[in-house]
Amino acid sequence: MGIVKITDQLHEQLRLASATMDRSINAQAEFWIKIGLLAELNPSLPYNELINRLLLDKPDLIRG
């Protein structure tokens, strides 16, 4: 595990989102990073499909 430096504003957004979604701040950041990675690697997929595939843990989305 490493340390990632982020702005105070983004940290506050993470804090609010994590409380809403009942996740830790680290878990919320990891979720956003995974969604962002999947979105960049699969630009034609809509958000709801990315979420579905992430929840089903389909690693083929990352492998391409």
C-alpha atoms as a PDB file:
ATOM      1  CA  MET A   1       0.000   0.000   0.000  1.00  0.00           C
ATOM      2  CA  GLY A   2       1.240   3.466  -0.819  1.00  0.00           C
ATOM      3  CA  ILE A   3       0.352   7.014   0.039  1.00  0.00           C
ATOM      4  CA  VAL A   4      -1.379   9.202  -2.526  1.00  0.00           C
ATOM      5  CA  LYS A   5      -1.414  12.950  -1.974  1.00  0.00           C
ATOM      6  CA  ILE A   6      -4.700  14.639  -2.873  1.00  0.00           C
ATOM      7  CA  THR A   7      -6.101  18.120  -2.393  1.00  0.00           C
ATOM      8  CA  ASP A   8      -8.033  19.021   0.723  1.00  0.00           C
ATOM      9  CA  GLN A   9     -11.089  19.637  -1.468  1.00  0.00           C
ATOM     10  CA  LEU A  10     -10.971  16.127  -2.942  1.00  0.00           C
ATOM     11  CA  HIS A  11     -10.417  14.659   0.520  1.00  0.00           C
ATOM     12  CA  GLU A  12     -13.535  16.447   1.748  1.00  0.00           C
ATOM     13  CA  GLN A  13     -15.517  15.080  -1.217  1.00  0.00           C
ATOM     14  CA  LEU A  14     -14.213  11.605  -0.392  1.00  0.00           C
ATOM     15  CA  ARG A  15     -15.172  12.036   3.248  1.00  0.00           C
ATOM     16  CA  LEU A  16     -18.728  13.078   2.360  1.00  0.00           C
ATOM     17  CA  ALA A  17     -19.167  10.345  -0.254  1.00  0.00           C
ATOM     18  CA  SER A  18     -17.752   7.674   2.035  1.00  0.00           C
ATOM     19  CA  ALA A  19     -20.185   8.622   4.790  1.00  0.00           C
ATOM     20  CA  THR A  20     -23.095   8.521   2.344  1.00  0.00           C
ATOM     21  CA  MET A  21     -22.069   5.180   0.869  1.00  0.00           C
ATOM     22  CA  ASP A  22     -21.078   3.708   4.261  1.00  0.00           C
ATOM     23  CA  ARG A  23     -17.479   3.094   3.167  1.00  0.00           C
ATOM     24  CA  SER A  24     -14.177   4.102   4.676  1.00  0.00           C
ATOM     25  CA  ILE A  25     -12.434   7.026   3.009  1.00  0.00           C
ATOM     26  CA  ASN A  26      -9.826   4.613   1.613  1.00  0.00           C
ATOM     27  CA  ALA A  27     -12.522   2.270   0.266  1.00  0.00           C
ATOM     28  CA  GLN A  28     -14.315   5.203  -1.386  1.00  0.00           C
ATOM     29  CA  ALA A  29     -11.080   6.393  -3.004  1.00  0.00           C
ATOM     30  CA  GLU A  30     -10.354   2.869  -4.239  1.00  0.00           C
ATOM     31  CA  PHE A  31     -13.870   2.618  -5.690  1.00  0.00           C
ATOM     32  CA  TRP A  32     -13.511   5.940  -7.533  1.00  0.00           C
ATOM     33  CA  ILE A  33     -10.095   4.917  -8.854  1.00  0.00           C
ATOM     34  CA  LYS A  34     -11.449   1.604 -10.146  1.00  0.00           C
ATOM     35  CA  ILE A  35     -14.421   3.293 -11.834  1.00  0.00           C
ATOM     36  CA  GLY A  36     -12.143   5.915 -13.378  1.00  0.00           C
ATOM     37  CA  LEU A  37      -9.752   3.258 -14.671  1.00  0.00           C
ATOM     38  CA  LEU A  38     -12.593   1.212 -16.147  1.00  0.00           C
ATOM     39  CA  ALA A  39     -14.128   4.311 -17.740  1.00  0.00           C
ATOM     40  CA  GLU A  40     -10.835   5.281 -19.389  1.00  0.00           C
ATOM     41  CA  LEU A  41     -10.203   1.753 -20.661  1.00  0.00           C
ATOM     42  CA  ASN A  42     -13.807   1.255 -21.825  1.00  0.00           C
ATOM     43  CA  PRO A  43     -15.022   4.673 -23.034  1.00  0.00           C
ATOM     44  CA  SER A  44     -17.995   3.233 -24.921  1.00  0.00           C
ATOM     45  CA  LEU A  45     -19.563   1.632 -21.838  1.00  0.00           C
ATOM     46  CA  PRO A  46     -22.167   3.633 -19.891  1.00  0.00           C
ATOM     47  CA  TYR A  47     -21.675   4.218 -16.174  1.00  0.00           C
ATOM     48  CA  ASN A  48     -24.311   1.686 -15.129  1.00  0.00           C
ATOM     49  CA  GLU A  49     -22.557  -1.035 -17.153  1.00  0.00           C
ATOM     50  CA  LEU A  50     -19.214  -0.171 -15.541  1.00  0.00           C
ATOM     51  CA  ILE A  51     -20.841  -0.476 -12.113  1.00  0.00           C
ATOM     52  CA  ASN A  52     -22.459  -3.793 -13.019  1.00  0.00           C
ATOM     53  CA  ARG A  53     -19.179  -5.212 -14.248  1.00  0.00           C
ATOM     54  CA  LEU A  54     -17.255  -3.870 -11.274  1.00  0.00           C
ATOM     55  CA  LEU A  55     -19.757  -5.443  -8.892  1.00  0.00           C
ATOM     56  CA  LEU A  56     -19.433  -8.726 -10.763  1.00  0.00           C
ATOM     57  CA  ASP A  57     -15.631  -8.267 -10.607  1.00  0.00           C
ATOM     58  CA  LYS A  58     -14.940  -8.808 -14.285  1.00  0.00           C
ATOM     59  CA  PRO A  59     -11.151  -8.402 -14.600  1.00  0.00           C
ATOM     60  CA  ASP A  60     -11.376  -8.660 -18.417  1.00  0.00           C
ATOM     61  CA  LEU A  61     -12.355  -4.979 -18.456  1.00  0.00           C
ATOM     62  CA  ILE A  62      -8.895  -4.047 -17.240  1.00  0.00           C
ATOM     63  CA  ARG A  63      -6.990  -6.556 -19.352  1.00  0.00           C
ATOM     64  CA  GLY A  64      -8.670  -5.251 -22.527  1.00  0.00           C
END
